[in-house]
Amino acid sequence: MQYPLDHGLPLVQLKERRREMVVALQARVGPIADDELRQIAAIQQTISAFEDVISDLDCEQSDARDDVVDRRGLPWFGRRSVVHSPV
């Protein structure tokens, strides 16, 4: 299985921490403190922000690869090359 690049961000560690906190709450009997819920919510917001950054970085890398291919003179799909253009 190929995992997506994390671009050096601690996304996996944050997800593991969130999971540990949720499992700990499930095993507990009694009310859940507001502070614990805030901590989980903060971790979730951080995870979402990192996922957005990773998505942006992936798009930028994809665009950069496309630019390199375009500079080599290879035509994009749907674009007419000089050879096939009417004079």
PDB file of N, CA and C in Angstrom:
ATOM      1  N   MET A   1       0.842  -1.183   0.000  1.00  0.00           N
ATOM      2  CA  MET A   1       0.000   0.000   0.000  1.00  0.00           C
ATOM      3  C   MET A   1       0.883   1.242   0.000  1.00  0.00           C
ATOM      4  N   GLN A   2       0.583   2.165  -0.857  1.00  0.00           N
ATOM      5  CA  GLN A   2       1.375   3.394  -0.947  1.00  0.00           C
ATOM      6  C   GLN A   2       0.671   4.497  -0.160  1.00  0.00           C
ATOM      7  N   TYR A   3       1.397   5.080   0.782  1.00  0.00           N
ATOM      8  CA  TYR A   3       0.836   6.147   1.596  1.00  0.00           C
ATOM      9  C   TYR A   3       1.113   7.497   0.951  1.00  0.00           C
ATOM     10  N   PRO A   4       0.178   8.442   1.068  1.00  0.00           N
ATOM     11  CA  PRO A   4       0.425   9.772   0.505  1.00  0.00           C
ATOM     12  C   PRO A   4       1.523  10.484   1.287  1.00  0.00           C
ATOM     13  N   LEU A   5       2.184  11.410   0.613  1.00  0.00           N
ATOM     14  CA  LEU A   5       3.234  12.178   1.273  1.00  0.00           C
ATOM     15  C   LEU A   5       2.632  13.036   2.379  1.00  0.00           C
ATOM     16  N   ASP A   6       3.358  13.139   3.492  1.00  0.00           N
ATOM     17  CA  ASP A   6       2.880  14.012   4.563  1.00  0.00           C
ATOM     18  C   ASP A   6       3.665  15.318   4.600  1.00  0.00           C
ATOM     19  N   HIS A   7       4.621  15.482   3.698  1.00  0.00           N
ATOM     20  CA  HIS A   7       5.408  16.710   3.570  1.00  0.00           C
ATOM     21  C   HIS A   7       6.096  17.096   4.885  1.00  0.00           C
ATOM     22  N   GLY A   8       6.407  16.113   5.700  1.00  0.00           N
ATOM     23  CA  GLY A   8       7.120  16.369   6.944  1.00  0.00           C
ATOM     24  C   GLY A   8       6.252  16.904   8.070  1.00  0.00           C
ATOM     25  N   LEU A   9       4.951  16.908   7.890  1.00  0.00           N
ATOM     26  CA  LEU A   9       4.049  17.400   8.929  1.00  0.00           C
ATOM     27  C   LEU A   9       3.652  16.239   9.849  1.00  0.00           C
ATOM     28  N   PRO A  10       3.416  16.515  11.133  1.00  0.00           N
ATOM     29  CA  PRO A  10       3.130  15.448  12.102  1.00  0.00           C
ATOM     30  C   PRO A  10       1.678  14.970  12.078  1.00  0.00           C
ATOM     31  N   LEU A  11       1.132  14.740  10.896  1.00  0.00           N
ATOM     32  CA  LEU A  11      -0.276  14.387  10.772  1.00  0.00           C
ATOM     33  C   LEU A  11      -0.586  13.036  11.416  1.00  0.00           C
ATOM     34  N   VAL A  12       0.247  12.047  11.186  1.00  0.00           N
ATOM     35  CA  VAL A  12       0.000  10.713  11.733  1.00  0.00           C
ATOM     36  C   VAL A  12       0.034  10.749  13.258  1.00  0.00           C
ATOM     37  N   GLN A  13       0.991  11.468  13.827  1.00  0.00           N
ATOM     38  CA  GLN A  13       1.087  11.548  15.279  1.00  0.00           C
ATOM     39  C   GLN A  13      -0.151  12.227  15.871  1.00  0.00           C
ATOM     40  N   LEU A  14      -0.638  13.258  15.198  1.00  0.00           N
ATOM     41  CA  LEU A  14      -1.840  13.937  15.690  1.00  0.00           C
ATOM     42  C   LEU A  14      -3.060  13.022  15.637  1.00  0.00           C
ATOM     43  N   LYS A  15      -3.188  12.264  14.577  1.00  0.00           N
ATOM     44  CA  LYS A  15      -4.318  11.343  14.467  1.00  0.00           C
ATOM     45  C   LYS A  15      -4.233  10.252  15.530  1.00  0.00           C
ATOM     46  N   GLU A  16      -3.024   9.772  15.796  1.00  0.00           N
ATOM     47  CA  GLU A  16      -2.854   8.765  16.849  1.00  0.00           C
ATOM     48  C   GLU A  16      -3.196   9.343  18.215  1.00  0.00           C
ATOM     49  N   ARG A  17      -2.775  10.572  18.470  1.00  0.00           N
ATOM     50  CA  ARG A  17      -3.085  11.226  19.746  1.00  0.00           C
ATOM     51  C   ARG A  17      -4.596  11.407  19.909  1.00  0.00           C
ATOM     52  N   ARG A  18      -5.260  11.848  18.828  1.00  0.00           N
ATOM     53  CA  ARG A  18      -6.720  12.011  18.876  1.00  0.00           C
ATOM     54  C   ARG A  18      -7.391  10.680  19.183  1.00  0.00           C
ATOM     55  N   ARG A  19      -6.940   9.628  18.522  1.00  0.00           N
ATOM     56  CA  ARG A  19      -7.513   8.303  18.748  1.00  0.00           C
ATOM     57  C   ARG A  19      -7.319   7.861  20.197  1.00  0.00           C
ATOM     58  N   GLU A  20      -6.118   8.051  20.741  1.00  0.00           N
ATOM     59  CA  GLU A  20      -5.847   7.683  22.137  1.00  0.00           C
ATOM     60  C   GLU A  20      -6.782   8.415  23.093  1.00  0.00           C
ATOM     61  N   MET A  21      -7.002   9.699  22.832  1.00  0.00           N
ATOM     62  CA  MET A  21      -7.863  10.486  23.707  1.00  0.00           C
ATOM     63  C   MET A  21      -9.319  10.015  23.633  1.00  0.00           C
ATOM     64  N   VAL A  22      -9.785   9.697  22.439  1.00  0.00           N
ATOM     65  CA  VAL A  22     -11.166   9.233  22.280  1.00  0.00           C
ATOM     66  C   VAL A  22     -11.349   7.865  22.929  1.00  0.00           C
ATOM     67  N   VAL A  23     -10.388   6.973  22.741  1.00  0.00           N
ATOM     68  CA  VAL A  23     -10.471   5.643  23.356  1.00  0.00           C
ATOM     69  C   VAL A  23     -10.471   5.769  24.879  1.00  0.00           C
ATOM     70  N   ALA A  24      -9.656   6.667  25.405  1.00  0.00           N
ATOM     71  CA  ALA A  24      -9.623   6.874  26.853  1.00  0.00           C
ATOM     72  C   ALA A  24     -10.973   7.370  27.366  1.00  0.00           C
ATOM     73  N   LEU A  25     -11.632   8.220  26.606  1.00  0.00           N
ATOM     74  CA  LEU A  25     -12.954   8.712  27.014  1.00  0.00           C
ATOM     75  C   LEU A  25     -14.007   7.609  26.949  1.00  0.00           C
ATOM     76  N   GLN A  26     -13.898   6.726  25.967  1.00  0.00           N
ATOM     77  CA  GLN A  26     -14.861   5.643  25.832  1.00  0.00           C
ATOM     78  C   GLN A  26     -14.767   4.655  26.988  1.00  0.00           C
ATOM     79  N   ALA A  27     -13.569   4.472  27.503  1.00  0.00           N
ATOM     80  CA  ALA A  27     -13.357   3.518  28.581  1.00  0.00           C
ATOM     81  C   ALA A  27     -13.756   4.088  29.948  1.00  0.00           C
ATOM     82  N   ARG A  28     -13.956   5.363  30.018  1.00  0.00           N
ATOM     83  CA  ARG A  28     -14.237   6.006  31.298  1.00  0.00           C
ATOM     84  C   ARG A  28     -15.722   5.970  31.629  1.00  0.00           C
ATOM     85  N   VAL A  29     -15.987   5.903  32.927  1.00  0.00           N
ATOM     86  CA  VAL A  29     -17.357   5.985  33.410  1.00  0.00           C
ATOM     87  C   VAL A  29     -17.521   7.348  34.070  1.00  0.00           C
ATOM     88  N   GLY A  30     -18.591   8.026  33.745  1.00  0.00           N
ATOM     89  CA  GLY A  30     -18.828   9.333  34.341  1.00  0.00           C
ATOM     90  C   GLY A  30     -18.794  10.434  33.308  1.00  0.00           C
ATOM     91  N   PRO A  31     -19.014  11.650  33.774  1.00  0.00           N
ATOM     92  CA  PRO A  31     -19.069  12.780  32.839  1.00  0.00           C
ATOM     93  C   PRO A  31     -17.697  13.109  32.243  1.00  0.00           C
ATOM     94  N   ILE A  32     -17.751  13.691  31.052  1.00  0.00           N
ATOM     95  CA  ILE A  32     -16.533  14.113  30.354  1.00  0.00           C
ATOM     96  C   ILE A  32     -16.336  15.600  30.622  1.00  0.00           C
ATOM     97  N   ALA A  33     -15.125  15.963  30.986  1.00  0.00           N
ATOM     98  CA  ALA A  33     -14.824  17.360  31.286  1.00  0.00           C
ATOM     99  C   ALA A  33     -14.764  18.186  30.004  1.00  0.00           C
ATOM    100  N   ASP A  34     -15.167  19.435  30.110  1.00  0.00           N
ATOM    101  CA  ASP A  34     -15.126  20.337  28.958  1.00  0.00           C
ATOM    102  C   ASP A  34     -13.706  20.501  28.427  1.00  0.00           C
ATOM    103  N   ASP A  35     -12.736  20.498  29.325  1.00  0.00           N
ATOM    104  CA  ASP A  35     -11.341  20.664  28.911  1.00  0.00           C
ATOM    105  C   ASP A  35     -10.895  19.523  28.006  1.00  0.00           C
ATOM    106  N   GLU A  36     -11.322  18.320  28.307  1.00  0.00           N
ATOM    107  CA  GLU A  36     -10.959  17.168  27.478  1.00  0.00           C
ATOM    108  C   GLU A  36     -11.571  17.287  26.077  1.00  0.00           C
ATOM    109  N   LEU A  37     -12.809  17.714  26.023  1.00  0.00           N
ATOM    110  CA  LEU A  37     -13.450  17.910  24.722  1.00  0.00           C
ATOM    111  C   LEU A  37     -12.773  19.019  23.938  1.00  0.00           C
ATOM    112  N   ARG A  38     -12.355  20.069  24.630  1.00  0.00           N
ATOM    113  CA  ARG A  38     -11.642  21.162  23.948  1.00  0.00           C
ATOM    114  C   ARG A  38     -10.318  20.685  23.375  1.00  0.00           C
ATOM    115  N   GLN A  39      -9.618  19.838  24.127  1.00  0.00           N
ATOM    116  CA  GLN A  39      -8.346  19.308  23.632  1.00  0.00           C
ATOM    117  C   GLN A  39      -8.546  18.473  22.370  1.00  0.00           C
ATOM    118  N   ILE A  40      -9.558  17.616  22.379  1.00  0.00           N
ATOM    119  CA  ILE A  40      -9.847  16.800  21.199  1.00  0.00           C
ATOM    120  C   ILE A  40     -10.244  17.693  20.029  1.00  0.00           C
ATOM    121  N   ALA A  41     -11.063  18.704  20.290  1.00  0.00           N
ATOM    122  CA  ALA A  41     -11.480  19.621  19.226  1.00  0.00           C
ATOM    123  C   ALA A  41     -10.283  20.386  18.656  1.00  0.00           C
ATOM    124  N   ALA A  42      -9.368  20.799  19.524  1.00  0.00           N
ATOM    125  CA  ALA A  42      -8.176  21.524  19.056  1.00  0.00           C
ATOM    126  C   ALA A  42      -7.305  20.625  18.181  1.00  0.00           C
ATOM    127  N   ILE A  43      -7.152  19.378  18.589  1.00  0.00           N
ATOM    128  CA  ILE A  43      -6.374  18.438  17.781  1.00  0.00           C
ATOM    129  C   ILE A  43      -7.067  18.211  16.441  1.00  0.00           C
ATOM    130  N   GLN A  44      -8.391  18.085  16.452  1.00  0.00           N
ATOM    131  CA  GLN A  44      -9.126  17.883  15.207  1.00  0.00           C
ATOM    132  C   GLN A  44      -8.972  19.081  14.274  1.00  0.00           C
ATOM    133  N   GLN A  45      -9.026  20.279  14.807  1.00  0.00           N
ATOM    134  CA  GLN A  45      -8.836  21.474  13.977  1.00  0.00           C
ATOM    135  C   GLN A  45      -7.431  21.511  13.385  1.00  0.00           C
ATOM    136  N   THR A  46      -6.453  21.115  14.170  1.00  0.00           N
ATOM    137  CA  THR A  46      -5.073  21.076  13.689  1.00  0.00           C
ATOM    138  C   THR A  46      -4.923  20.043  12.582  1.00  0.00           C
ATOM    139  N   ILE A  47      -5.544  18.872  12.763  1.00  0.00           N
ATOM    140  CA  ILE A  47      -5.510  17.832  11.729  1.00  0.00           C
ATOM    141  C   ILE A  47      -6.125  18.358  10.434  1.00  0.00           C
ATOM    142  N   SER A  48      -7.264  19.006  10.543  1.00  0.00           N
ATOM    143  CA  SER A  48      -7.931  19.548   9.358  1.00  0.00           C
ATOM    144  C   SER A  48      -7.058  20.590   8.656  1.00  0.00           C
ATOM    145  N   ALA A  49      -6.419  21.442   9.447  1.00  0.00           N
ATOM    146  CA  ALA A  49      -5.540  22.466   8.867  1.00  0.00           C
ATOM    147  C   ALA A  49      -4.359  21.813   8.147  1.00  0.00           C
ATOM    148  N   PHE A  50      -3.740  20.799   8.765  1.00  0.00           N
ATOM    149  CA  PHE A  50      -2.627  20.099   8.125  1.00  0.00           C
ATOM    150  C   PHE A  50      -3.078  19.414   6.838  1.00  0.00           C
ATOM    151  N   GLU A  51      -4.257  18.808   6.857  1.00  0.00           N
ATOM    152  CA  GLU A  51      -4.754  18.153   5.642  1.00  0.00           C
ATOM    153  C   GLU A  51      -4.968  19.165   4.526  1.00  0.00           C
ATOM    154  N   ASP A  52      -5.440  20.364   4.858  1.00  0.00           N
ATOM    155  CA  ASP A  52      -5.596  21.416   3.852  1.00  0.00           C
ATOM    156  C   ASP A  52      -4.246  21.842   3.278  1.00  0.00           C
ATOM    157  N   VAL A  53      -3.250  21.987   4.162  1.00  0.00           N
ATOM    158  CA  VAL A  53      -1.911  22.375   3.710  1.00  0.00           C
ATOM    159  C   VAL A  53      -1.320  21.291   2.817  1.00  0.00           C
ATOM    160  N   ILE A  54      -1.479  20.038   3.206  1.00  0.00           N
ATOM    161  CA  ILE A  54      -0.955  18.927   2.410  1.00  0.00           C
ATOM    162  C   ILE A  54      -1.623  18.906   1.042  1.00  0.00           C
ATOM    163  N   SER A  55      -2.928  19.123   1.014  1.00  0.00           N
ATOM    164  CA  SER A  55      -3.645  19.167  -0.261  1.00  0.00           C
ATOM    165  C   SER A  55      -3.118  20.292  -1.159  1.00  0.00           C
ATOM    166  N   ASP A  56      -2.891  21.461  -0.570  1.00  0.00           N
ATOM    167  CA  ASP A  56      -2.337  22.582  -1.330  1.00  0.00           C
ATOM    168  C   ASP A  56      -0.942  22.260  -1.864  1.00  0.00           C
ATOM    169  N   LEU A  57      -0.103  21.663  -1.030  1.00  0.00           N
ATOM    170  CA  LEU A  57       1.247  21.314  -1.460  1.00  0.00           C
ATOM    171  C   LEU A  57       1.212  20.275  -2.585  1.00  0.00           C
ATOM    172  N   ASP A  58       0.313  19.294  -2.462  1.00  0.00           N
ATOM    173  CA  ASP A  58       0.177  18.292  -3.518  1.00  0.00           C
ATOM    174  C   ASP A  58      -0.237  18.941  -4.834  1.00  0.00           C
ATOM    175  N   CYS A  59      -1.159  19.880  -4.772  1.00  0.00           N
ATOM    176  CA  CYS A  59      -1.597  20.577  -5.988  1.00  0.00           C
ATOM    177  C   CYS A  59      -0.456  21.387  -6.594  1.00  0.00           C
ATOM    178  N   GLU A  60       0.315  22.065  -5.752  1.00  0.00           N
ATOM    179  CA  GLU A  60       1.442  22.851  -6.256  1.00  0.00           C
ATOM    180  C   GLU A  60       2.474  21.952  -6.921  1.00  0.00           C
ATOM    181  N   GLN A  61       2.745  20.791  -6.319  1.00  0.00           N
ATOM    182  CA  GLN A  61       3.708  19.868  -6.913  1.00  0.00           C
ATOM    183  C   GLN A  61       3.187  19.328  -8.236  1.00  0.00           C
ATOM    184  N   SER A  62       1.903  19.039  -8.291  1.00  0.00           N
ATOM    185  CA  SER A  62       1.306  18.557  -9.530  1.00  0.00           C
ATOM    186  C   SER A  62       1.389  19.620 -10.613  1.00  0.00           C
ATOM    187  N   ASP A  63       1.092  20.863 -10.256  1.00  0.00           N
ATOM    188  CA  ASP A  63       1.188  21.963 -11.218  1.00  0.00           C
ATOM    189  C   ASP A  63       2.624  22.146 -11.706  1.00  0.00           C
ATOM    190  N   ALA A  64       3.583  22.001 -10.785  1.00  0.00           N
ATOM    191  CA  ALA A  64       4.991  22.149 -11.168  1.00  0.00           C
ATOM    192  C   ALA A  64       5.402  21.046 -12.141  1.00  0.00           C
ATOM    193  N   ARG A  65       4.921  19.816 -11.902  1.00  0.00           N
ATOM    194  CA  ARG A  65       5.231  18.720 -12.829  1.00  0.00           C
ATOM    195  C   ARG A  65       4.605  18.992 -14.195  1.00  0.00           C
ATOM    196  N   ASP A  66       3.380  19.515 -14.198  1.00  0.00           N
ATOM    197  CA  ASP A  66       2.719  19.831 -15.466  1.00  0.00           C
ATOM    198  C   ASP A  66       3.470  20.917 -16.218  1.00  0.00           C
ATOM    199  N   ASP A  67       3.988  21.914 -15.505  1.00  0.00           N
ATOM    200  CA  ASP A  67       4.757  22.980 -16.149  1.00  0.00           C
ATOM    201  C   ASP A  67       6.025  22.438 -16.787  1.00  0.00           C
ATOM    202  N   VAL A  68       6.681  21.495 -16.120  1.00  0.00           N
ATOM    203  CA  VAL A  68       7.899  20.908 -16.671  1.00  0.00           C
ATOM    204  C   VAL A  68       7.562  20.161 -17.953  1.00  0.00           C
ATOM    205  N   VAL A  69       6.490  19.409 -17.957  1.00  0.00           N
ATOM    206  CA  VAL A  69       6.086  18.678 -19.158  1.00  0.00           C
ATOM    207  C   VAL A  69       5.747  19.665 -20.265  1.00  0.00           C
ATOM    208  N   ASP A  70       5.060  20.754 -19.933  1.00  0.00           N
ATOM    209  CA  ASP A  70       4.675  21.752 -20.928  1.00  0.00           C
ATOM    210  C   ASP A  70       5.904  22.422 -21.531  1.00  0.00           C
ATOM    211  N   ARG A  71       6.921  22.695 -20.725  1.00  0.00           N
ATOM    212  CA  ARG A  71       8.124  23.349 -21.219  1.00  0.00           C
ATOM    213  C   ARG A  71       8.919  22.446 -22.151  1.00  0.00           C
ATOM    214  N   ARG A  72       8.741  21.160 -22.044  1.00  0.00           N
ATOM    215  CA  ARG A  72       9.451  20.231 -22.928  1.00  0.00           C
ATOM    216  C   ARG A  72       8.840  20.215 -24.316  1.00  0.00           C
ATOM    217  N   GLY A  73       7.744  20.912 -24.503  1.00  0.00           N
ATOM    218  CA  GLY A  73       7.130  20.987 -25.813  1.00  0.00           C
ATOM    219  C   GLY A  73       6.129  19.886 -26.092  1.00  0.00           C
ATOM    220  N   LEU A  74       5.785  19.117 -25.079  1.00  0.00           N
ATOM    221  CA  LEU A  74       4.792  18.077 -25.288  1.00  0.00           C
ATOM    222  C   LEU A  74       3.406  18.711 -25.229  1.00  0.00           C
ATOM    223  N   PRO A  75       2.565  18.447 -26.211  1.00  0.00           N
ATOM    224  CA  PRO A  75       1.238  19.069 -26.206  1.00  0.00           C
ATOM    225  C   PRO A  75       0.349  18.481 -25.127  1.00  0.00           C
ATOM    226  N   TRP A  76      -0.506  19.312 -24.552  1.00  0.00           N
ATOM    227  CA  TRP A  76      -1.505  18.873 -23.599  1.00  0.00           C
ATOM    228  C   TRP A  76      -2.620  18.204 -24.364  1.00  0.00           C
ATOM    229  N   PHE A  77      -3.362  17.348 -23.740  1.00  0.00           N
ATOM    230  CA  PHE A  77      -4.503  16.719 -24.381  1.00  0.00           C
ATOM    231  C   PHE A  77      -5.516  17.789 -24.760  1.00  0.00           C
ATOM    232  N   GLY A  78      -6.041  17.691 -25.964  1.00  0.00           N
ATOM    233  CA  GLY A  78      -7.041  18.648 -26.415  1.00  0.00           C
ATOM    234  C   GLY A  78      -6.447  19.885 -27.055  1.00  0.00           C
ATOM    235  N   ARG A  79      -5.129  20.078 -26.920  1.00  0.00           N
ATOM    236  CA  ARG A  79      -4.477  21.226 -27.528  1.00  0.00           C
ATOM    237  C   ARG A  79      -3.889  20.822 -28.862  1.00  0.00           C
ATOM    238  N   ARG A  80      -3.986  21.690 -29.823  1.00  0.00           N
ATOM    239  CA  ARG A  80      -3.395  21.384 -31.121  1.00  0.00           C
ATOM    240  C   ARG A  80      -1.917  21.731 -31.106  1.00  0.00           C
ATOM    241  N   SER A  81      -1.145  20.831 -31.653  1.00  0.00           N
ATOM    242  CA  SER A  81       0.273  21.154 -31.772  1.00  0.00           C
ATOM    243  C   SER A  81       0.491  21.946 -33.046  1.00  0.00           C
ATOM    244  N   VAL A  82       1.663  22.472 -33.201  1.00  0.00           N
ATOM    245  CA  VAL A  82       1.999  23.282 -34.371  1.00  0.00           C
ATOM    246  C   VAL A  82       1.862  22.460 -35.647  1.00  0.00           C
ATOM    247  N   VAL A  83       2.207  21.193 -35.602  1.00  0.00           N
ATOM    248  CA  VAL A  83       2.176  20.329 -36.765  1.00  0.00           C
ATOM    249  C   VAL A  83       0.736  20.146 -37.275  1.00  0.00           C
ATOM    250  N   HIS A  84      -0.210  20.051 -36.356  1.00  0.00           N
ATOM    251  CA  HIS A  84      -1.592  19.760 -36.731  1.00  0.00           C
ATOM    252  C   HIS A  84      -2.444  21.008 -36.909  1.00  0.00           C
ATOM    253  N   SER A  85      -1.916  22.165 -36.671  1.00  0.00           N
ATOM    254  CA  SER A  85      -2.704  23.383 -36.811  1.00  0.00           C
ATOM    255  C   SER A  85      -2.853  23.772 -38.270  1.00  0.00           C
ATOM    256  N   PRO A  86      -4.050  24.220 -38.667  1.00  0.00           N
ATOM    257  CA  PRO A  86      -4.210  24.675 -40.055  1.00  0.00           C
ATOM    258  C   PRO A  86      -3.412  25.957 -40.291  1.00  0.00           C
ATOM    259  N   VAL A  87      -2.920  26.119 -41.476  1.00  0.00           N
ATOM    260  CA  VAL A  87      -2.106  27.278 -41.800  1.00  0.00           C
ATOM    261  C   VAL A  87      -2.936  28.439 -42.243  1.00  0.00           C
TER     262      VAL A  87
END
